[in-house]
Structures are given as structure tokens and as C-alpha cells.
Amino acid sequence: MRTPGLAEFPDCVAARSSKHLKELEAMVAAGDRAVALFVVQRMDCTEFAACTELDPVFAAALTRTANSGVEVLCYDCHLTTQAITVVRPLPWRDRP
């Protein structure tokens, strides 16, 4: 069931994305800063979450990654036929 205002990722099983999260965790463990950035190219969203229904492995990986010290950032955009402009941060709803 779709939640109004909620942007979700992924829209299919995202094994490669889970692998990238693991790589970000390794960077933090090595003492570096790492950020997982999600850009929502829709104008009707007010928050972001991992789609546990489509890929529970990715959702759990995102929670684990955030808990390891990787920053999880999400921004929405304003879209026109002339430009896509990053507008504001969206809150991340952690749903393990």
C-alpha cells in the first residue's frame, strides 16, 4: 500500500545497492567520512524510506549502514521542463 508523501527506494531488488552500502561502511571503519545520498526527483514527497516490501535486505543494510556511522541524506527536487533543482532535505524514516 502506498503511503502519501513517502518516497521509497528501491523499486526492485537492489543487490548492487546493498553492496555499495557495505563499501561505505568499510570507508567509515577505515576512518573516512561516507554519505549515502538519495535524490528524489518528485515534488509530492515529504519523507524518504527504504522499501522493505520490495527489498528487505536493502532496508536492513541501510539501517546497519547508518548505525555504522555512514550519513544517510535525502533531498527532493523541483522539476520543470528547463531544469531539475535540488530544493530541501527530506527526513529519512528508518524502517528496519
PDB file of N, CA and C in Angstrom:
ATOM      1  N   MET A   1       0.841  -1.176   0.000  1.00  0.00           N
ATOM      2  CA  MET A   1       0.000   0.000   0.000  1.00  0.00           C
ATOM      3  C   MET A   1       0.893   1.248   0.000  1.00  0.00           C
ATOM      4  N   ARG A   2       0.599   2.182  -0.854  1.00  0.00           N
ATOM      5  CA  ARG A   2       1.375   3.406  -0.962  1.00  0.00           C
ATOM      6  C   ARG A   2       1.011   4.371   0.147  1.00  0.00           C
ATOM      7  N   THR A   3       2.029   4.959   0.773  1.00  0.00           N
ATOM      8  CA  THR A   3       1.842   5.971   1.804  1.00  0.00           C
ATOM      9  C   THR A   3       1.998   7.339   1.155  1.00  0.00           C
ATOM     10  N   PRO A   4       0.970   8.185   1.200  1.00  0.00           N
ATOM     11  CA  PRO A   4       1.089   9.518   0.587  1.00  0.00           C
ATOM     12  C   PRO A   4       2.284  10.286   1.156  1.00  0.00           C
ATOM     13  N   GLY A   5       3.050  10.902   0.261  1.00  0.00           N
ATOM     14  CA  GLY A   5       4.182  11.720   0.665  1.00  0.00           C
ATOM     15  C   GLY A   5       5.465  10.955   0.935  1.00  0.00           C
ATOM     16  N   LEU A   6       5.441   9.631   0.820  1.00  0.00           N
ATOM     17  CA  LEU A   6       6.619   8.832   1.125  1.00  0.00           C
ATOM     18  C   LEU A   6       7.349   8.417  -0.153  1.00  0.00           C
ATOM     19  N   ALA A   7       8.608   8.808  -0.265  1.00  0.00           N
ATOM     20  CA  ALA A   7       9.467   8.357  -1.355  1.00  0.00           C
ATOM     21  C   ALA A   7      10.182   7.107  -0.870  1.00  0.00           C
ATOM     22  N   GLU A   8      10.162   6.039  -1.674  1.00  0.00           N
ATOM     23  CA  GLU A   8      10.804   4.798  -1.275  1.00  0.00           C
ATOM     24  C   GLU A   8      11.824   4.356  -2.322  1.00  0.00           C
ATOM     25  N   PHE A   9      12.883   3.747  -1.841  1.00  0.00           N
ATOM     26  CA  PHE A   9      13.909   3.149  -2.692  1.00  0.00           C
ATOM     27  C   PHE A   9      14.268   1.826  -2.060  1.00  0.00           C
ATOM     28  N   PRO A  10      14.480   0.801  -2.814  1.00  0.00           N
ATOM     29  CA  PRO A  10      14.463   0.683  -4.261  1.00  0.00           C
ATOM     30  C   PRO A  10      13.074   0.331  -4.783  1.00  0.00           C
ATOM     31  N   ASP A  11      12.962   0.289  -6.112  1.00  0.00           N
ATOM     32  CA  ASP A  11      11.702  -0.117  -6.739  1.00  0.00           C
ATOM     33  C   ASP A  11      11.794  -1.550  -7.275  1.00  0.00           C
ATOM     34  N   CYS A  12      12.890  -2.232  -6.919  1.00  0.00           N
ATOM     35  CA  CYS A  12      13.100  -3.652  -7.246  1.00  0.00           C
ATOM     36  C   CYS A  12      14.204  -4.148  -6.317  1.00  0.00           C
ATOM     37  N   VAL A  13      14.527  -5.430  -6.383  1.00  0.00           N
ATOM     38  CA  VAL A  13      15.633  -5.935  -5.566  1.00  0.00           C
ATOM     39  C   VAL A  13      16.913  -5.227  -6.008  1.00  0.00           C
ATOM     40  N   ALA A  14      17.653  -4.714  -5.028  1.00  0.00           N
ATOM     41  CA  ALA A  14      18.805  -3.860  -5.326  1.00  0.00           C
ATOM     42  C   ALA A  14      20.082  -4.431  -4.706  1.00  0.00           C
ATOM     43  N   ALA A  15      20.478  -5.607  -5.130  1.00  0.00           N
ATOM     44  CA  ALA A  15      21.669  -6.261  -4.574  1.00  0.00           C
ATOM     45  C   ALA A  15      22.913  -5.397  -4.750  1.00  0.00           C
ATOM     46  N   ARG A  16      23.030  -4.759  -5.872  1.00  0.00           N
ATOM     47  CA  ARG A  16      24.198  -3.904  -6.121  1.00  0.00           C
ATOM     48  C   ARG A  16      24.207  -2.712  -5.168  1.00  0.00           C
ATOM     49  N   SER A  17      23.042  -2.144  -4.893  1.00  0.00           N
ATOM     50  CA  SER A  17      22.961  -1.024  -3.956  1.00  0.00           C
ATOM     51  C   SER A  17      23.354  -1.464  -2.556  1.00  0.00           C
ATOM     52  N   SER A  18      22.948  -2.661  -2.163  1.00  0.00           N
ATOM     53  CA  SER A  18      23.352  -3.198  -0.855  1.00  0.00           C
ATOM     54  C   SER A  18      24.867  -3.361  -0.787  1.00  0.00           C
ATOM     55  N   LYS A  19      25.471  -3.781  -1.891  1.00  0.00           N
ATOM     56  CA  LYS A  19      26.933  -3.915  -1.959  1.00  0.00           C
ATOM     57  C   LYS A  19      27.602  -2.555  -1.769  1.00  0.00           C
ATOM     58  N   HIS A  20      27.045  -1.514  -2.392  1.00  0.00           N
ATOM     59  CA  HIS A  20      27.615  -0.174  -2.241  1.00  0.00           C
ATOM     60  C   HIS A  20      27.530   0.296  -0.791  1.00  0.00           C
ATOM     61  N   LEU A  21      26.436  -0.024  -0.111  1.00  0.00           N
ATOM     62  CA  LEU A  21      26.312   0.362   1.295  1.00  0.00           C
ATOM     63  C   LEU A  21      27.410  -0.298   2.131  1.00  0.00           C
ATOM     64  N   LYS A  22      27.697  -1.543   1.835  1.00  0.00           N
ATOM     65  CA  LYS A  22      28.760  -2.258   2.552  1.00  0.00           C
ATOM     66  C   LYS A  22      30.108  -1.570   2.327  1.00  0.00           C
ATOM     67  N   GLU A  23      30.344  -1.107   1.111  1.00  0.00           N
ATOM     68  CA  GLU A  23      31.584  -0.398   0.801  1.00  0.00           C
ATOM     69  C   GLU A  23      31.674   0.915   1.584  1.00  0.00           C
ATOM     70  N   LEU A  24      30.541   1.609   1.746  1.00  0.00           N
ATOM     71  CA  LEU A  24      30.532   2.838   2.542  1.00  0.00           C
ATOM     72  C   LEU A  24      30.842   2.540   4.004  1.00  0.00           C
ATOM     73  N   GLU A  25      30.304   1.439   4.521  1.00  0.00           N
ATOM     74  CA  GLU A  25      30.608   1.033   5.896  1.00  0.00           C
ATOM     75  C   GLU A  25      32.108   0.821   6.074  1.00  0.00           C
ATOM     76  N   ALA A  26      32.737   0.177   5.106  1.00  0.00           N
ATOM     77  CA  ALA A  26      34.176  -0.074   5.174  1.00  0.00           C
ATOM     78  C   ALA A  26      34.955   1.240   5.190  1.00  0.00           C
ATOM     79  N   MET A  27      34.485   2.224   4.456  1.00  0.00           N
ATOM     80  CA  MET A  27      35.153   3.526   4.450  1.00  0.00           C
ATOM     81  C   MET A  27      35.108   4.158   5.834  1.00  0.00           C
ATOM     82  N   VAL A  28      33.955   4.097   6.483  1.00  0.00           N
ATOM     83  CA  VAL A  28      33.819   4.657   7.824  1.00  0.00           C
ATOM     84  C   VAL A  28      34.706   3.885   8.800  1.00  0.00           C
ATOM     85  N   ALA A  29      34.731   2.571   8.676  1.00  0.00           N
ATOM     86  CA  ALA A  29      35.569   1.756   9.559  1.00  0.00           C
ATOM     87  C   ALA A  29      37.050   2.106   9.397  1.00  0.00           C
ATOM     88  N   ALA A  30      37.426   2.573   8.200  1.00  0.00           N
ATOM     89  CA  ALA A  30      38.806   2.970   7.937  1.00  0.00           C
ATOM     90  C   ALA A  30      39.091   4.399   8.394  1.00  0.00           C
ATOM     91  N   GLY A  31      38.075   5.077   8.932  1.00  0.00           N
ATOM     92  CA  GLY A  31      38.275   6.427   9.448  1.00  0.00           C
ATOM     93  C   GLY A  31      37.864   7.544   8.515  1.00  0.00           C
ATOM     94  N   ASP A  32      37.250   7.202   7.386  1.00  0.00           N
ATOM     95  CA  ASP A  32      36.811   8.214   6.430  1.00  0.00           C
ATOM     96  C   ASP A  32      35.355   8.599   6.672  1.00  0.00           C
ATOM     97  N   ARG A  33      34.946   9.710   6.079  1.00  0.00           N
ATOM     98  CA  ARG A  33      33.545  10.106   6.076  1.00  0.00           C
ATOM     99  C   ARG A  33      32.883   9.472   4.863  1.00  0.00           C
ATOM    100  N   ALA A  34      31.656   8.968   5.048  1.00  0.00           N
ATOM    101  CA  ALA A  34      30.922   8.378   3.933  1.00  0.00           C
ATOM    102  C   ALA A  34      29.468   8.814   4.023  1.00  0.00           C
ATOM    103  N   VAL A  35      28.868   9.061   2.865  1.00  0.00           N
ATOM    104  CA  VAL A  35      27.488   9.541   2.787  1.00  0.00           C
ATOM    105  C   VAL A  35      26.727   8.730   1.747  1.00  0.00           C
ATOM    106  N   ALA A  36      25.554   8.256   2.120  1.00  0.00           N
ATOM    107  CA  ALA A  36      24.621   7.657   1.164  1.00  0.00           C
ATOM    108  C   ALA A  36      23.615   8.759   0.825  1.00  0.00           C
ATOM    109  N   LEU A  37      23.611   9.194  -0.413  1.00  0.00           N
ATOM    110  CA  LEU A  37      22.770  10.311  -0.840  1.00  0.00           C
ATOM    111  C   LEU A  37      21.660   9.808  -1.753  1.00  0.00           C
ATOM    112  N   PHE A  38      20.433  10.140  -1.410  1.00  0.00           N
ATOM    113  CA  PHE A  38      19.267   9.803  -2.223  1.00  0.00           C
ATOM    114  C   PHE A  38      18.644  11.105  -2.698  1.00  0.00           C
ATOM    115  N   VAL A  39      18.419  11.223  -4.009  1.00  0.00           N
ATOM    116  CA  VAL A  39      17.801  12.416  -4.585  1.00  0.00           C
ATOM    117  C   VAL A  39      16.450  12.001  -5.161  1.00  0.00           C
ATOM    118  N   VAL A  40      15.391  12.560  -4.604  1.00  0.00           N
ATOM    119  CA  VAL A  40      14.019  12.227  -5.003  1.00  0.00           C
ATOM    120  C   VAL A  40      13.599  13.202  -6.095  1.00  0.00           C
ATOM    121  N   GLN A  41      13.395  12.683  -7.284  1.00  0.00           N
ATOM    122  CA  GLN A  41      13.014  13.542  -8.396  1.00  0.00           C
ATOM    123  C   GLN A  41      11.504  13.510  -8.596  1.00  0.00           C
ATOM    124  N   ARG A  42      10.825  13.887  -7.522  1.00  0.00           N
ATOM    125  CA  ARG A  42       9.361  14.046  -7.487  1.00  0.00           C
ATOM    126  C   ARG A  42       9.083  15.248  -6.608  1.00  0.00           C
ATOM    127  N   MET A  43       7.936  15.851  -6.776  1.00  0.00           N
ATOM    128  CA  MET A  43       7.616  17.036  -5.982  1.00  0.00           C
ATOM    129  C   MET A  43       6.491  16.790  -4.984  1.00  0.00           C
ATOM    130  N   ASP A  44       6.091  15.534  -4.808  1.00  0.00           N
ATOM    131  CA  ASP A  44       4.964  15.248  -3.922  1.00  0.00           C
ATOM    132  C   ASP A  44       5.378  14.456  -2.682  1.00  0.00           C
ATOM    133  N   CYS A  45       6.668  14.471  -2.333  1.00  0.00           N
ATOM    134  CA  CYS A  45       7.142  13.674  -1.209  1.00  0.00           C
ATOM    135  C   CYS A  45       7.585  14.552  -0.048  1.00  0.00           C
ATOM    136  N   THR A  46       7.352  14.053   1.152  1.00  0.00           N
ATOM    137  CA  THR A  46       7.731  14.785   2.360  1.00  0.00           C
ATOM    138  C   THR A  46       8.717  14.011   3.222  1.00  0.00           C
ATOM    139  N   GLU A  47       8.953  12.732   2.905  1.00  0.00           N
ATOM    140  CA  GLU A  47       9.930  11.935   3.636  1.00  0.00           C
ATOM    141  C   GLU A  47      10.392  10.773   2.763  1.00  0.00           C
ATOM    142  N   PHE A  48      11.449  10.098   3.226  1.00  0.00           N
ATOM    143  CA  PHE A  48      12.083   9.021   2.481  1.00  0.00           C
ATOM    144  C   PHE A  48      12.228   7.789   3.368  1.00  0.00           C
ATOM    145  N   ALA A  49      12.094   6.601   2.782  1.00  0.00           N
ATOM    146  CA  ALA A  49      12.331   5.344   3.495  1.00  0.00           C
ATOM    147  C   ALA A  49      12.787   4.284   2.503  1.00  0.00           C
ATOM    148  N   ALA A  50      13.486   3.278   3.026  1.00  0.00           N
ATOM    149  CA  ALA A  50      13.806   2.108   2.214  1.00  0.00           C
ATOM    150  C   ALA A  50      12.534   1.292   2.042  1.00  0.00           C
ATOM    151  N   CYS A  51      12.352   0.736   0.869  1.00  0.00           N
ATOM    152  CA  CYS A  51      11.151  -0.055   0.586  1.00  0.00           C
ATOM    153  C   CYS A  51      11.356  -1.491   1.083  1.00  0.00           C
ATOM    154  N   THR A  52      10.917  -1.735   2.297  1.00  0.00           N
ATOM    155  CA  THR A  52      11.090  -3.057   2.898  1.00  0.00           C
ATOM    156  C   THR A  52      10.279  -4.124   2.178  1.00  0.00           C
ATOM    157  N   GLU A  53       9.165  -3.739   1.574  1.00  0.00           N
ATOM    158  CA  GLU A  53       8.314  -4.712   0.896  1.00  0.00           C
ATOM    159  C   GLU A  53       9.001  -5.299  -0.336  1.00  0.00           C
ATOM    160  N   LEU A  54       9.737  -4.469  -1.080  1.00  0.00           N
ATOM    161  CA  LEU A  54      10.387  -4.942  -2.303  1.00  0.00           C
ATOM    162  C   LEU A  54      11.781  -5.500  -2.062  1.00  0.00           C
ATOM    163  N   ASP A  55      12.501  -4.941  -1.082  1.00  0.00           N
ATOM    164  CA  ASP A  55      13.860  -5.420  -0.822  1.00  0.00           C
ATOM    165  C   ASP A  55      14.206  -5.286   0.654  1.00  0.00           C
ATOM    166  N   PRO A  56      13.772  -6.254   1.460  1.00  0.00           N
ATOM    167  CA  PRO A  56      14.067  -6.192   2.893  1.00  0.00           C
ATOM    168  C   PRO A  56      15.568  -6.267   3.197  1.00  0.00           C
ATOM    169  N   VAL A  57      16.339  -6.897   2.315  1.00  0.00           N
ATOM    170  CA  VAL A  57      17.795  -6.971   2.521  1.00  0.00           C
ATOM    171  C   VAL A  57      18.392  -5.573   2.420  1.00  0.00           C
ATOM    172  N   PHE A  58      17.991  -4.802   1.404  1.00  0.00           N
ATOM    173  CA  PHE A  58      18.489  -3.432   1.266  1.00  0.00           C
ATOM    174  C   PHE A  58      18.049  -2.592   2.458  1.00  0.00           C
ATOM    175  N   ALA A  59      16.796  -2.708   2.873  1.00  0.00           N
ATOM    176  CA  ALA A  59      16.289  -1.919   4.000  1.00  0.00           C
ATOM    177  C   ALA A  59      17.106  -2.182   5.262  1.00  0.00           C
ATOM    178  N   ALA A  60      17.384  -3.452   5.535  1.00  0.00           N
ATOM    179  CA  ALA A  60      18.196  -3.794   6.701  1.00  0.00           C
ATOM    180  C   ALA A  60      19.624  -3.274   6.540  1.00  0.00           C
ATOM    181  N   ALA A  61      20.158  -3.351   5.321  1.00  0.00           N
ATOM    182  CA  ALA A  61      21.510  -2.853   5.063  1.00  0.00           C
ATOM    183  C   ALA A  61      21.589  -1.351   5.281  1.00  0.00           C
ATOM    184  N   LEU A  62      20.560  -0.618   4.881  1.00  0.00           N
ATOM    185  CA  LEU A  62      20.573   0.835   5.068  1.00  0.00           C
ATOM    186  C   LEU A  62      20.565   1.182   6.557  1.00  0.00           C
ATOM    187  N   THR A  63      19.783   0.480   7.334  1.00  0.00           N
ATOM    188  CA  THR A  63      19.765   0.701   8.783  1.00  0.00           C
ATOM    189  C   THR A  63      21.129   0.386   9.381  1.00  0.00           C
ATOM    190  N   ARG A  64      21.699  -0.761   9.016  1.00  0.00           N
ATOM    191  CA  ARG A  64      23.016  -1.162   9.522  1.00  0.00           C
ATOM    192  C   ARG A  64      24.077  -0.135   9.127  1.00  0.00           C
ATOM    193  N   THR A  65      24.002   0.326   7.888  1.00  0.00           N
ATOM    194  CA  THR A  65      24.968   1.296   7.385  1.00  0.00           C
ATOM    195  C   THR A  65      24.886   2.595   8.167  1.00  0.00           C
ATOM    196  N   ALA A  66      23.679   3.074   8.402  1.00  0.00           N
ATOM    197  CA  ALA A  66      23.508   4.308   9.176  1.00  0.00           C
ATOM    198  C   ALA A  66      24.045   4.123  10.592  1.00  0.00           C
ATOM    199  N   ASN A  67      23.787   2.969  11.177  1.00  0.00           N
ATOM    200  CA  ASN A  67      24.265   2.697  12.535  1.00  0.00           C
ATOM    201  C   ASN A  67      25.783   2.576  12.598  1.00  0.00           C
ATOM    202  N   SER A  68      26.421   2.299  11.470  1.00  0.00           N
ATOM    203  CA  SER A  68      27.882   2.187  11.435  1.00  0.00           C
ATOM    204  C   SER A  68      28.558   3.555  11.328  1.00  0.00           C
ATOM    205  N   GLY A  69      27.770   4.592  11.100  1.00  0.00           N
ATOM    206  CA  GLY A  69      28.344   5.934  11.009  1.00  0.00           C
ATOM    207  C   GLY A  69      28.260   6.572   9.639  1.00  0.00           C
ATOM    208  N   VAL A  70      27.726   5.857   8.659  1.00  0.00           N
ATOM    209  CA  VAL A  70      27.520   6.446   7.335  1.00  0.00           C
ATOM    210  C   VAL A  70      26.338   7.412   7.432  1.00  0.00           C
ATOM    211  N   GLU A  71      26.512   8.610   6.908  1.00  0.00           N
ATOM    212  CA  GLU A  71      25.424   9.580   6.911  1.00  0.00           C
ATOM    213  C   GLU A  71      24.423   9.217   5.809  1.00  0.00           C
ATOM    214  N   VAL A  72      23.150   9.223   6.134  1.00  0.00           N
ATOM    215  CA  VAL A  72      22.101   8.978   5.144  1.00  0.00           C
ATOM    216  C   VAL A  72      21.410  10.310   4.907  1.00  0.00           C
ATOM    217  N   LEU A  73      21.546  10.829   3.692  1.00  0.00           N
ATOM    218  CA  LEU A  73      20.951  12.111   3.322  1.00  0.00           C
ATOM    219  C   LEU A  73      19.973  11.905   2.181  1.00  0.00           C
ATOM    220  N   CYS A  74      18.908  12.678   2.200  1.00  0.00           N
ATOM    221  CA  CYS A  74      17.920  12.629   1.136  1.00  0.00           C
ATOM    222  C   CYS A  74      17.445  14.047   0.842  1.00  0.00           C
ATOM    223  N   TYR A  75      17.342  14.358  -0.434  1.00  0.00           N
ATOM    224  CA  TYR A  75      16.877  15.681  -0.865  1.00  0.00           C
ATOM    225  C   TYR A  75      15.803  15.510  -1.928  1.00  0.00           C
ATOM    226  N   ASP A  76      14.889  16.462  -1.943  1.00  0.00           N
ATOM    227  CA  ASP A  76      13.902  16.452  -3.018  1.00  0.00           C
ATOM    228  C   ASP A  76      14.260  17.508  -4.047  1.00  0.00           C
ATOM    229  N   CYS A  77      13.534  17.512  -5.147  1.00  0.00           N
ATOM    230  CA  CYS A  77      13.825  18.397  -6.269  1.00  0.00           C
ATOM    231  C   CYS A  77      12.573  19.124  -6.727  1.00  0.00           C
ATOM    232  N   HIS A  78      12.805  20.252  -7.375  1.00  0.00           N
ATOM    233  CA  HIS A  78      11.755  20.935  -8.119  1.00  0.00           C
ATOM    234  C   HIS A  78      12.040  20.661  -9.586  1.00  0.00           C
ATOM    235  N   LEU A  79      11.039  20.164 -10.293  1.00  0.00           N
ATOM    236  CA  LEU A  79      11.216  19.773 -11.678  1.00  0.00           C
ATOM    237  C   LEU A  79      10.450  20.694 -12.616  1.00  0.00           C
ATOM    238  N   THR A  80      11.126  21.129 -13.656  1.00  0.00           N
ATOM    239  CA  THR A  80      10.465  21.849 -14.744  1.00  0.00           C
ATOM    240  C   THR A  80      10.996  21.263 -16.048  1.00  0.00           C
ATOM    241  N   THR A  81      10.472  21.713 -17.158  1.00  0.00           N
ATOM    242  CA  THR A  81      10.993  21.252 -18.444  1.00  0.00           C
ATOM    243  C   THR A  81      12.374  21.841 -18.722  1.00  0.00           C
ATOM    244  N   GLN A  82      12.770  22.853 -17.963  1.00  0.00           N
ATOM    245  CA  GLN A  82      14.051  23.514 -18.172  1.00  0.00           C
ATOM    246  C   GLN A  82      15.151  23.063 -17.208  1.00  0.00           C
ATOM    247  N   ALA A  83      14.741  22.580 -16.004  1.00  0.00           N
ATOM    248  CA  ALA A  83      15.769  22.272 -15.004  1.00  0.00           C
ATOM    249  C   ALA A  83      15.236  21.343 -13.916  1.00  0.00           C
ATOM    250  N   ILE A  84      16.172  20.696 -13.277  1.00  0.00           N
ATOM    251  CA  ILE A  84      15.905  19.950 -12.049  1.00  0.00           C
ATOM    252  C   ILE A  84      16.748  20.628 -10.979  1.00  0.00           C
ATOM    253  N   THR A  85      16.091  21.145  -9.942  1.00  0.00           N
ATOM    254  CA  THR A  85      16.778  21.888  -8.899  1.00  0.00           C
ATOM    255  C   THR A  85      16.612  21.181  -7.559  1.00  0.00           C
ATOM    256  N   VAL A  86      17.717  20.884  -6.915  1.00  0.00           N
ATOM    257  CA  VAL A  86      17.661  20.302  -5.574  1.00  0.00           C
ATOM    258  C   VAL A  86      17.130  21.382  -4.635  1.00  0.00           C
ATOM    259  N   VAL A  87      16.104  21.017  -3.836  1.00  0.00           N
ATOM    260  CA  VAL A  87      15.409  22.021  -3.046  1.00  0.00           C
ATOM    261  C   VAL A  87      15.689  21.930  -1.550  1.00  0.00           C
ATOM    262  N   ARG A  88      15.373  20.791  -0.954  1.00  0.00           N
ATOM    263  CA  ARG A  88      15.450  20.732   0.511  1.00  0.00           C
ATOM    264  C   ARG A  88      15.704  19.295   0.963  1.00  0.00           C
ATOM    265  N   PRO A  89      16.223  19.174   2.173  1.00  0.00           N
ATOM    266  CA  PRO A  89      16.398  17.822   2.710  1.00  0.00           C
ATOM    267  C   PRO A  89      15.051  17.205   3.082  1.00  0.00           C
ATOM    268  N   LEU A  90      14.947  15.917   2.893  1.00  0.00           N
ATOM    269  CA  LEU A  90      13.775  15.163   3.342  1.00  0.00           C
ATOM    270  C   LEU A  90      14.200  14.298   4.525  1.00  0.00           C
ATOM    271  N   PRO A  91      13.346  14.155   5.523  1.00  0.00           N
ATOM    272  CA  PRO A  91      13.701  13.257   6.624  1.00  0.00           C
ATOM    273  C   PRO A  91      13.669  11.807   6.175  1.00  0.00           C
ATOM    274  N   TRP A  92      14.585  11.031   6.743  1.00  0.00           N
ATOM    275  CA  TRP A  92      14.680   9.617   6.462  1.00  0.00           C
ATOM    276  C   TRP A  92      13.946   8.857   7.551  1.00  0.00           C
ATOM    277  N   ARG A  93      12.978   8.043   7.163  1.00  0.00           N
ATOM    278  CA  ARG A  93      12.233   7.204   8.097  1.00  0.00           C
ATOM    279  C   ARG A  93      12.888   5.830   8.086  1.00  0.00           C
ATOM    280  N   ASP A  94      13.551   5.488   9.183  1.00  0.00           N
ATOM    281  CA  ASP A  94      14.209   4.187   9.295  1.00  0.00           C
ATOM    282  C   ASP A  94      13.166   3.143   9.640  1.00  0.00           C
ATOM    283  N   ARG A  95      13.004   2.146   8.730  1.00  0.00           N
ATOM    284  CA  ARG A  95      12.024   1.078   8.945  1.00  0.00           C
ATOM    285  C   ARG A  95      12.710  -0.265   8.807  1.00  0.00           C
ATOM    286  N   PRO A  96      13.400  -0.716   9.858  1.00  0.00           N
ATOM    287  CA  PRO A  96      14.133  -1.988   9.734  1.00  0.00           C
ATOM    288  C   PRO A  96      13.197  -3.169   9.530  1.00  0.00           C
TER     289      PRO A  96
END
